Amino acid sequence: SGVGYTEKDWGSSFPSAWIWGQTNQWMNATSASLFFSFASVPWYFGLELPGFLIVFEYNHQFYRFNTYLLSIIHDFS
């Protein structure tokens, strides 16, 4: 078990759809944290692209996964 935080909003100053969450409370882990964000990112000519950013830190080592570094999520179900 642990403590986390997540948020969702459909506001006009944000992308049309987005969600993010973060936590740094893990059972039996002294140095770990996770941040994630998924969104419909506004693009040119009114198009929107699915985008994401995930950062995982474990024992002071950072692992980054995101759309602009061409990371791919094959299945998120």
N, C-alpha and C. Protein backbone atom coordinates (compact mmCIF):
# COMPACT_ATOMS: atom_id res chain seq x y z
N SER A 1 0.83 -1.18 0.00
CA SER A 1 0.00 0.00 0.00
C SER A 1 0.88 1.24 0.00
N GLY A 2 0.31 2.38 -0.36
CA GLY A 2 1.06 3.63 -0.40
C GLY A 2 0.12 4.79 -0.58
N VAL A 3 0.70 5.95 -0.71
CA VAL A 3 -0.06 7.18 -0.89
C VAL A 3 0.25 7.74 -2.26
N GLY A 4 -0.76 8.17 -2.98
CA GLY A 4 -0.57 8.76 -4.30
C GLY A 4 -1.55 9.89 -4.51
N TYR A 5 -1.42 10.56 -5.63
CA TYR A 5 -2.30 11.67 -5.97
C TYR A 5 -2.55 11.63 -7.46
N THR A 6 -3.78 11.84 -7.86
CA THR A 6 -4.11 11.92 -9.27
C THR A 6 -5.13 13.03 -9.46
N GLU A 7 -5.17 13.58 -10.65
CA GLU A 7 -6.05 14.71 -10.92
C GLU A 7 -6.56 14.61 -12.34
N LYS A 8 -7.76 15.10 -12.57
CA LYS A 8 -8.36 15.11 -13.90
C LYS A 8 -9.13 16.39 -14.06
N ASP A 9 -9.08 17.00 -15.24
CA ASP A 9 -9.79 18.25 -15.49
C ASP A 9 -10.11 18.34 -16.98
N TRP A 10 -11.23 18.96 -17.30
CA TRP A 10 -11.61 19.20 -18.69
C TRP A 10 -11.66 20.71 -18.93
N GLY A 11 -10.76 21.46 -18.32
CA GLY A 11 -10.76 22.92 -18.40
C GLY A 11 -10.41 23.44 -19.79
N SER A 12 -10.73 24.70 -20.04
CA SER A 12 -10.51 25.28 -21.37
C SER A 12 -9.06 25.69 -21.60
N SER A 13 -8.27 25.89 -20.54
CA SER A 13 -6.87 26.28 -20.73
C SER A 13 -5.94 25.07 -20.74
N PHE A 14 -6.49 23.88 -20.66
CA PHE A 14 -5.72 22.65 -20.70
C PHE A 14 -6.00 21.95 -22.03
N PRO A 15 -5.25 20.89 -22.34
CA PRO A 15 -5.63 20.07 -23.50
C PRO A 15 -7.06 19.55 -23.31
N SER A 16 -7.70 19.15 -24.38
CA SER A 16 -9.10 18.72 -24.30
C SER A 16 -9.29 17.53 -23.36
N ALA A 17 -8.28 16.71 -23.19
CA ALA A 17 -8.33 15.58 -22.26
C ALA A 17 -6.94 15.37 -21.68
N TRP A 18 -6.87 15.22 -20.37
CA TRP A 18 -5.58 14.95 -19.74
C TRP A 18 -5.80 14.37 -18.36
N ILE A 19 -4.77 13.69 -17.87
CA ILE A 19 -4.76 13.17 -16.51
C ILE A 19 -3.30 13.08 -16.08
N TRP A 20 -3.04 13.32 -14.81
CA TRP A 20 -1.70 13.14 -14.30
C TRP A 20 -1.77 12.62 -12.88
N GLY A 21 -0.69 12.02 -12.44
CA GLY A 21 -0.62 11.50 -11.09
C GLY A 21 0.82 11.41 -10.64
N GLN A 22 1.01 11.29 -9.35
CA GLN A 22 2.36 11.17 -8.81
C GLN A 22 2.30 10.47 -7.46
N THR A 23 3.39 9.85 -7.09
CA THR A 23 3.50 9.23 -5.77
C THR A 23 4.97 9.07 -5.41
N ASN A 24 5.25 9.09 -4.14
CA ASN A 24 6.58 8.77 -3.64
C ASN A 24 6.48 7.94 -2.36
N GLN A 25 5.36 7.29 -2.19
CA GLN A 25 5.13 6.43 -1.03
C GLN A 25 5.01 4.99 -1.51
N TRP A 26 6.01 4.19 -1.25
CA TRP A 26 6.02 2.80 -1.68
C TRP A 26 6.35 1.91 -0.48
N MET A 27 5.69 0.79 -0.39
CA MET A 27 5.96 -0.17 0.67
C MET A 27 7.35 -0.77 0.46
N ASN A 28 8.18 -0.76 1.47
CA ASN A 28 9.53 -1.35 1.45
C ASN A 28 10.48 -0.70 0.45
N ALA A 29 10.25 0.53 0.07
CA ALA A 29 11.17 1.23 -0.84
C ALA A 29 11.58 2.54 -0.19
N THR A 30 12.87 2.77 -0.10
CA THR A 30 13.34 3.98 0.57
C THR A 30 13.53 5.14 -0.38
N SER A 31 13.76 4.87 -1.65
CA SER A 31 13.97 5.96 -2.61
C SER A 31 13.32 5.61 -3.94
N ALA A 32 12.04 5.93 -4.06
CA ALA A 32 11.34 5.66 -5.31
C ALA A 32 10.21 6.68 -5.46
N SER A 33 10.00 7.13 -6.68
CA SER A 33 8.87 8.01 -6.97
C SER A 33 8.45 7.81 -8.41
N LEU A 34 7.20 8.16 -8.69
CA LEU A 34 6.64 7.98 -10.02
C LEU A 34 5.77 9.19 -10.35
N PHE A 35 5.93 9.71 -11.56
CA PHE A 35 5.09 10.77 -12.08
C PHE A 35 4.62 10.34 -13.46
N PHE A 36 3.35 10.59 -13.79
CA PHE A 36 2.87 10.30 -15.14
C PHE A 36 1.87 11.34 -15.57
N SER A 37 1.80 11.55 -16.87
CA SER A 37 0.82 12.45 -17.45
C SER A 37 0.48 11.94 -18.85
N PHE A 38 -0.81 11.89 -19.16
CA PHE A 38 -1.30 11.52 -20.48
C PHE A 38 -2.22 12.64 -20.94
N ALA A 39 -2.15 13.02 -22.22
CA ALA A 39 -2.98 14.13 -22.70
C ALA A 39 -3.20 14.05 -24.20
N SER A 40 -4.26 14.69 -24.65
CA SER A 40 -4.46 14.97 -26.07
C SER A 40 -3.79 16.32 -26.33
N VAL A 41 -2.65 16.29 -26.96
CA VAL A 41 -1.81 17.48 -27.12
C VAL A 41 -2.23 18.26 -28.36
N PRO A 42 -2.55 19.54 -28.22
CA PRO A 42 -2.90 20.35 -29.40
C PRO A 42 -1.73 20.42 -30.37
N TRP A 43 -2.02 20.33 -31.65
CA TRP A 43 -1.00 20.32 -32.69
C TRP A 43 -1.42 21.32 -33.76
N TYR A 44 -0.78 21.31 -34.87
CA TYR A 44 -1.09 22.24 -35.95
C TYR A 44 -2.45 21.96 -36.59
N PHE A 45 -3.08 23.00 -37.13
CA PHE A 45 -4.32 22.91 -37.89
C PHE A 45 -5.47 22.28 -37.09
N GLY A 46 -5.47 22.47 -35.78
CA GLY A 46 -6.54 21.96 -34.94
C GLY A 46 -6.45 20.47 -34.63
N LEU A 47 -5.39 19.83 -35.05
CA LEU A 47 -5.21 18.40 -34.76
C LEU A 47 -4.75 18.20 -33.32
N GLU A 48 -5.05 17.04 -32.77
CA GLU A 48 -4.58 16.67 -31.45
C GLU A 48 -3.88 15.32 -31.54
N LEU A 49 -2.78 15.18 -30.81
CA LEU A 49 -2.03 13.94 -30.78
C LEU A 49 -2.02 13.39 -29.36
N PRO A 50 -2.09 12.07 -29.20
CA PRO A 50 -1.95 11.51 -27.86
C PRO A 50 -0.50 11.63 -27.40
N GLY A 51 -0.30 12.17 -26.23
CA GLY A 51 1.06 12.34 -25.71
C GLY A 51 1.14 11.87 -24.27
N PHE A 52 2.35 11.56 -23.83
CA PHE A 52 2.53 11.12 -22.46
C PHE A 52 3.93 11.46 -21.97
N LEU A 53 4.05 11.51 -20.66
CA LEU A 53 5.32 11.73 -19.98
C LEU A 53 5.29 10.88 -18.72
N ILE A 54 6.29 10.03 -18.56
CA ILE A 54 6.41 9.19 -17.37
C ILE A 54 7.84 9.33 -16.85
N VAL A 55 7.98 9.60 -15.56
CA VAL A 55 9.29 9.66 -14.93
C VAL A 55 9.25 8.75 -13.71
N PHE A 56 10.17 7.80 -13.66
CA PHE A 56 10.28 6.87 -12.53
C PHE A 56 11.67 7.03 -11.93
N GLU A 57 11.74 7.26 -10.64
CA GLU A 57 13.02 7.39 -9.94
C GLU A 57 13.14 6.26 -8.94
N TYR A 58 14.26 5.57 -8.98
CA TYR A 58 14.51 4.48 -8.05
C TYR A 58 15.97 4.50 -7.66
N ASN A 59 16.24 4.57 -6.38
CA ASN A 59 17.61 4.65 -5.85
C ASN A 59 18.43 5.73 -6.55
N HIS A 60 17.84 6.89 -6.71
CA HIS A 60 18.49 8.08 -7.29
C HIS A 60 18.83 7.93 -8.77
N GLN A 61 18.22 7.00 -9.45
CA GLN A 61 18.38 6.84 -10.90
C GLN A 61 17.03 7.18 -11.54
N PHE A 62 17.05 8.06 -12.55
CA PHE A 62 15.83 8.49 -13.21
C PHE A 62 15.64 7.75 -14.53
N TYR A 63 14.40 7.32 -14.77
CA TYR A 63 14.02 6.67 -16.02
C TYR A 63 12.91 7.51 -16.64
N ARG A 64 13.12 8.00 -17.87
CA ARG A 64 12.15 8.89 -18.52
C ARG A 64 11.59 8.22 -19.77
N PHE A 65 10.29 8.30 -19.90
CA PHE A 65 9.58 7.79 -21.07
C PHE A 65 8.62 8.88 -21.51
N ASN A 66 8.64 9.25 -22.79
CA ASN A 66 7.75 10.31 -23.24
C ASN A 66 7.60 10.29 -24.75
N THR A 67 6.61 11.00 -25.20
CA THR A 67 6.29 11.05 -26.63
C THR A 67 7.42 11.67 -27.43
N TYR A 68 7.99 12.77 -26.94
CA TYR A 68 9.00 13.47 -27.73
C TYR A 68 10.34 12.76 -27.79
N LEU A 69 10.55 11.72 -26.98
CA LEU A 69 11.72 10.86 -27.13
C LEU A 69 11.36 9.58 -27.88
N LEU A 70 10.16 9.58 -28.48
CA LEU A 70 9.65 8.49 -29.31
C LEU A 70 9.40 7.20 -28.54
N SER A 71 9.09 7.29 -27.25
CA SER A 71 8.66 6.12 -26.50
C SER A 71 7.27 5.73 -26.99
N ILE A 72 6.93 4.47 -26.88
CA ILE A 72 5.65 3.96 -27.37
C ILE A 72 4.99 3.12 -26.29
N ILE A 73 3.69 3.33 -26.09
CA ILE A 73 2.89 2.46 -25.24
C ILE A 73 2.11 1.55 -26.17
N HIS A 74 2.36 0.25 -26.10
CA HIS A 74 1.71 -0.69 -27.00
C HIS A 74 0.29 -1.05 -26.55
N ASP A 75 0.08 -1.15 -25.24
CA ASP A 75 -1.24 -1.50 -24.73
C ASP A 75 -1.37 -0.92 -23.33
N PHE A 76 -2.40 -0.15 -23.11
CA PHE A 76 -2.62 0.46 -21.80
C PHE A 76 -4.04 0.16 -21.37
N SER A 77 -4.29 -1.13 -21.10
CA SER A 77 -5.64 -1.53 -20.72
C SER A 77 -5.63 -2.35 -19.45
